Amino acid sequence: MSALILALTAGTVVGLALGALGGGGSVLAVPALIYLLGFTPAAATTAGLIIVTATSLTALYAHARAGNVRWKAGSLLAVAGLLPAAAAGAAAARLPQPVLTAGFAAVAALAAAKMLRPGRALVGRTTDTATPVKAAGAGVGLGALTGLLGVGGGFLAVPALVTVLAFEMQAAVGTSLLVISTNSLASLATRGATTAGVEWAVIAPFTGAAVLGAWDGRRLATKITGTVLQRTFAVVLLTVAAFMLIDALT
C-alpha cells in the first residue's frame, strides 16, 4: 500500500477520533507515523503536533458553533499548560527514542484504563465554573505531556473535565479541543527548527484527511453514545500501547 493511501487512511481515523472524542488523535497519529509510514519517534512527535494542531482547531470551531466549549475552564487548563508544554518540547529532542516510545505507550495505556472505568461521571454539570487550583494542576500535567510526547492531551483532558470538573460528555469533548489546540501550538513553537525536515508530502495529505474526518467525527458524536465511543477507542489504545511497549523493550 502506498504512503499516500496509508496517510489518507490514518488521517481519517485521527480526525474521527478528535472530532468525536475531543482527544486521542495523537495517540493514533504518532504510532501510525512510526509503524506505517517509517518516521522515527522524534520526527513522528513533531509531525503529530502539526497534524493535531490543524485538526483540533477545525474540530474546536465545529464544537464551538454547537455550544459545547466552556471557555473559562478550558482557558484555565490551556494557560497553565503553556510553559510546561514549551519546556518539555525543548527537552524531548534530547531523550533516547526507546524512552519516548515507552513513555508514549504508558500514557496510552493510562488513557485506555481511564476510558474503560465505569462511567459514573459521564453525566455532570454543563456550567462554566471550575476550581482554579484543580484546573491549573490538570493544565500543567497536560501541557508537559503535550511537549514531551507530541500528544495534545485531549484523551486525558476529557476524563479530567468529566470526573474532576463534572462536565457532561459533550462539553468535555468541546472544551478539551481548546486545551489541545493551545498546548499543541505552544509545543510546536519550540520545535520550529525541527520542522524543516518534516516530510510534507506525507504530512499534508495526512492532515487534510484528518481535518475532513474531524467534521465527520463531530456528526458521529451526536449519533453514538459517549460510552460506546469511549470503550471502542479504549480497546484500540490498549492494542497500540501493548505494541509500542513491546517494540521499546526489544
Foldseek 3Di string as FASTA:
>chain_A
DDLLVLLLVLLLVLLLCCQQQLFDSLLSQLVSCCPVVPDQQLLSLLLLLVLLLLSLVLSLVVLVVVVLELPQLLVLLQVLLLVLLLVLLLCQVVDDRLVLLLVSLVVLLVLLVLLPPPPPQQAFDAHSDDDSVLSSVNSNVQLNCCNNNSGLSLSVQLSCCRPVVSHHRSSSSNSSSSNSNSSSVSNSVSCVVVCVPRPCVSSVSSSVSSNVSSVVSNVVNVVDDPSVSSNVSSVVSNVSSVVSNVVSVD
